[in-house]
Amino acid sequence: MPYSKEHKQKTRAKIVDCARRLFNRHGFASVSIDDIMGEAGLTRGGFYNHFGTKEELYAAVVSQVIDGTPADNWSRGEGEASQIIPEFVTAYLSRAHLENREDCCSLMALPSDVARGGEDVRNAYRQVFEFMVTNLEKGMSGSDTRQRALALAALCIGGMAVARAVDDMGLAHEVREAARDTAFSVGGWVPPQIEAAE
C-alpha cells in the first residue's frame, strides 16, 4: 500500500529537520546521506523518494527558515511590526541562540558551506536572506529603510557567525552583545536591558 501524501510530507520534514541539526553541528561536507537517514530512523533508499542529491536537501534546510515562519509573525501590520522586529533581533542575538548549535538559524551556521555550494544552495540562501531583509524593513520607519535592513540582517547573521567562530566565550558574548546593541541603533530602537536575565 503506498504511503499517503501526508505521511510523505511528514517524512520529508523529518529528514530536513535531522539534516539541519547535523549540518549545523558538523557542516555540510562532514555529514553523509547515511548519517542523515540514520538520525531520522530511515533507510538510505528512502532519501531518494524526497531529494535527488544531498545539495538539494541542503537547499531545503536553508529554505526552512521561510517555510517554518508563520506569515503573521512578520506581517501583523505596520504598528505591530515595529514591536516584532526588535523582539526578533533580541532573540536572534541572544545567548540561547548562540549556544544552541543544533537548532540555530542556518543563515549564520552555514555561510561558508553555502559559498562553496552549488547554485540551488546559494539561491535558497539568497531567498531566505532577502525574506529576512524585507521583513526587517517593515519594522522600520524613516529614510533608507532598505539600507538599514540590509545592515541589520548582516549584523545579526555576521555577528553570530563570528561569535560562533572564536574560541573564547567571553569574546563571543562581547561580539554578540555589540552586534545586538548596534543593530538596535541601526533600527532606531531602545536597546533592551536583558543581560541579567540571559
Protein backbone atom coordinates (compact mmCIF):
# COMPACT_ATOMS: atom_id res chain seq x y z
CA MET A 1 0.00 0.00 0.00
CA PRO A 2 1.52 3.37 -0.98
CA TYR A 3 2.07 5.99 1.70
CA SER A 4 -0.33 8.92 1.92
CA LYS A 5 0.67 12.41 0.82
CA GLU A 6 0.56 13.50 4.48
CA HIS A 7 2.92 10.68 5.51
CA LYS A 8 5.33 11.63 2.73
CA GLN A 9 5.28 15.30 3.81
CA LYS A 10 5.94 14.34 7.44
CA THR A 11 8.81 12.08 6.43
CA ARG A 12 10.34 14.79 4.25
CA ALA A 13 10.06 17.31 7.09
CA LYS A 14 11.73 14.83 9.45
CA ILE A 15 14.64 14.38 7.03
CA VAL A 16 15.05 18.15 6.65
CA ASP A 17 14.95 18.68 10.41
CA CYS A 18 17.52 15.94 11.10
CA ALA A 19 19.75 17.26 8.31
CA ARG A 20 19.55 20.81 9.67
CA ARG A 21 20.71 19.69 13.10
CA LEU A 22 23.54 17.57 11.68
CA PHE A 23 24.66 20.25 9.21
CA ASN A 24 24.65 22.87 11.96
CA ARG A 25 26.66 20.58 14.22
CA HIS A 26 29.19 19.19 11.72
CA GLY A 27 28.98 21.20 8.47
CA PHE A 28 27.75 20.09 5.07
CA ALA A 29 30.83 18.19 3.91
CA SER A 30 31.15 16.10 7.08
CA VAL A 31 27.59 14.77 7.04
CA SER A 32 26.64 11.87 4.77
CA ILE A 33 23.24 10.82 3.47
CA ASP A 34 23.59 7.71 5.64
CA ASP A 35 24.18 9.93 8.70
CA ILE A 36 21.06 11.95 7.97
CA MET A 37 18.81 8.97 7.29
CA GLY A 38 20.16 7.12 10.34
CA GLU A 39 19.37 10.16 12.51
CA ALA A 40 15.86 10.18 11.04
CA GLY A 41 15.46 6.43 11.66
CA LEU A 42 15.06 5.76 7.92
CA THR A 43 16.92 3.84 5.24
CA ARG A 44 19.23 5.40 2.67
CA GLY A 45 16.95 4.27 -0.16
CA GLY A 46 14.13 6.38 1.25
CA PHE A 47 16.21 9.52 0.79
CA TYR A 48 15.70 9.46 -2.97
CA ASN A 49 11.93 9.49 -2.61
CA HIS A 50 12.31 13.06 -1.37
CA PHE A 51 15.58 14.50 -2.71
CA GLY A 52 17.77 13.93 -5.73
CA THR A 53 21.03 14.96 -4.06
CA LYS A 54 22.43 16.00 -0.69
CA GLU A 55 22.79 19.52 -2.09
CA GLU A 56 19.06 19.62 -2.88
CA LEU A 57 18.39 18.66 0.75
CA TYR A 58 20.80 21.38 1.88
CA ALA A 59 18.84 23.96 -0.11
CA ALA A 60 15.65 22.73 1.62
CA VAL A 61 17.36 23.12 5.01
CA VAL A 62 18.29 26.73 4.25
CA SER A 63 14.79 27.44 2.90
CA GLN A 64 13.22 26.01 6.06
CA VAL A 65 13.52 29.46 7.63
CA ILE A 66 10.82 30.75 5.29
CA ASP A 67 8.69 27.60 5.38
CA GLY A 68 8.82 27.46 9.18
CA THR A 69 7.96 31.10 9.79
CA PRO A 70 4.24 31.78 10.09
CA ALA A 71 3.40 34.69 7.83
CA ASP A 72 1.52 36.52 10.56
CA ASN A 73 4.70 36.70 12.66
CA TRP A 74 6.17 39.03 10.05
CA SER A 75 3.06 40.81 8.76
CA ARG A 76 0.83 41.95 11.59
CA GLY A 77 0.59 45.47 10.28
CA GLU A 78 2.93 48.45 10.47
CA GLY A 79 2.35 49.35 14.11
CA GLU A 80 2.89 45.82 15.38
CA ALA A 81 5.83 45.10 13.06
CA SER A 82 7.79 47.83 14.82
CA GLN A 83 7.43 45.78 18.04
CA ILE A 84 8.02 42.36 16.49
CA ILE A 85 11.32 43.23 14.81
CA PRO A 86 13.15 44.34 17.99
CA GLU A 87 11.93 41.13 19.65
CA PHE A 88 13.29 39.14 16.70
CA VAL A 89 16.69 40.90 16.88
CA THR A 90 16.87 40.30 20.63
CA ALA A 91 16.11 36.59 20.20
CA TYR A 92 18.44 36.19 17.22
CA LEU A 93 21.38 37.78 19.04
CA SER A 94 20.64 36.09 22.37
CA ARG A 95 22.92 33.89 24.46
CA ALA A 96 20.47 30.99 23.99
CA HIS A 97 20.64 31.23 20.20
CA LEU A 98 24.44 31.38 20.30
CA GLU A 99 24.70 28.30 22.50
CA ASN A 100 22.09 26.22 20.65
CA ARG A 101 24.28 24.75 17.91
CA GLU A 102 21.76 22.26 16.53
CA ASP A 103 18.63 24.39 16.30
CA CYS A 104 20.16 27.72 15.30
CA CYS A 105 19.40 29.66 12.14
CA SER A 106 21.08 28.14 9.10
CA LEU A 107 21.90 31.61 7.77
CA MET A 108 24.51 32.04 10.50
CA ALA A 109 25.55 28.42 10.90
CA LEU A 110 26.34 27.59 7.30
CA PRO A 111 27.55 30.65 5.31
CA SER A 112 30.94 29.24 4.34
CA ASP A 113 29.33 25.98 3.22
CA VAL A 114 26.81 27.96 1.18
CA ALA A 115 29.56 29.98 -0.50
CA ARG A 116 31.15 26.71 -1.66
CA GLY A 117 27.80 25.16 -2.60
CA GLY A 118 26.04 24.92 -5.89
CA GLU A 119 23.53 27.23 -7.50
CA ASP A 120 20.49 25.72 -5.70
CA VAL A 121 22.04 26.25 -2.29
CA ARG A 122 23.18 29.81 -2.99
CA ASN A 123 19.78 30.62 -4.48
CA ALA A 124 17.98 29.27 -1.40
CA TYR A 125 20.29 31.24 0.91
CA ARG A 126 19.68 34.43 -1.07
CA GLN A 127 15.91 33.96 -0.91
CA VAL A 128 15.98 33.46 2.85
CA PHE A 129 18.30 36.45 3.33
CA GLU A 130 16.02 38.63 1.19
CA PHE A 131 13.00 37.39 3.16
CA MET A 132 14.73 38.45 6.37
CA VAL A 133 15.71 41.87 4.95
CA THR A 134 12.24 42.57 3.56
CA ASN A 135 10.58 41.79 6.86
CA LEU A 136 13.11 43.74 8.92
CA GLU A 137 12.42 46.70 6.65
CA LYS A 138 8.71 46.53 7.52
CA GLY A 139 9.55 47.28 11.15
CA MET A 140 11.45 50.47 10.34
CA SER A 141 10.41 53.98 9.53
CA GLY A 142 12.15 56.97 8.05
CA SER A 143 14.54 57.14 5.14
CA ASP A 144 16.95 54.49 3.87
CA THR A 145 14.96 51.59 5.34
CA ARG A 146 16.33 49.13 2.74
CA GLN A 147 19.94 50.06 3.52
CA ARG A 148 19.34 49.85 7.27
CA ALA A 149 17.54 46.50 6.92
CA LEU A 150 20.49 45.09 4.93
CA ALA A 151 22.89 46.32 7.62
CA LEU A 152 20.70 44.91 10.36
CA ALA A 153 20.50 41.46 8.73
CA ALA A 154 24.27 41.47 8.17
CA LEU A 155 24.84 42.43 11.82
CA CYS A 156 22.60 39.64 13.07
CA ILE A 157 23.98 36.91 10.84
CA GLY A 158 27.59 38.08 10.78
CA GLY A 159 27.74 38.88 14.48
CA MET A 160 26.54 35.41 15.39
CA ALA A 161 28.80 33.71 12.82
CA VAL A 162 31.85 35.48 14.29
CA ALA A 163 30.74 34.78 17.86
CA ARG A 164 30.43 31.10 16.94
CA ALA A 165 33.89 31.04 15.31
CA VAL A 166 36.01 32.40 18.17
CA ASP A 167 37.42 30.08 20.83
CA ASP A 168 36.80 32.45 23.77
CA MET A 169 33.22 32.53 25.08
CA GLY A 170 33.81 35.87 26.78
CA LEU A 171 34.77 37.41 23.45
CA ALA A 172 31.91 35.57 21.75
CA HIS A 173 29.40 37.21 24.06
CA GLU A 174 31.07 40.60 23.62
CA VAL A 175 30.70 40.26 19.86
CA ARG A 176 27.07 39.14 20.19
CA GLU A 177 26.16 41.99 22.55
CA ALA A 178 27.95 44.60 20.42
CA ALA A 179 26.11 43.35 17.33
CA ARG A 180 22.80 43.47 19.19
CA ASP A 181 23.33 47.00 20.52
CA THR A 182 24.47 48.26 17.13
CA ALA A 183 21.51 46.55 15.48
CA PHE A 184 19.17 48.40 17.81
CA SER A 185 20.91 51.66 16.96
CA VAL A 186 20.53 50.94 13.22
CA GLY A 187 16.87 50.11 13.72
CA GLY A 188 16.26 53.19 15.83
CA TRP A 189 15.03 51.18 18.83
CA VAL A 190 15.88 51.41 22.53
CA PRO A 191 18.26 48.53 23.44
CA PRO A 192 16.71 46.02 25.86
CA GLN A 193 18.01 45.57 29.38
CA ILE A 194 18.22 41.79 29.29
CA GLU A 195 21.73 40.68 30.18
CA ALA A 196 20.84 39.79 33.75
CA ALA A 197 18.05 37.55 32.54
CA GLU A 198 20.13 35.77 29.89
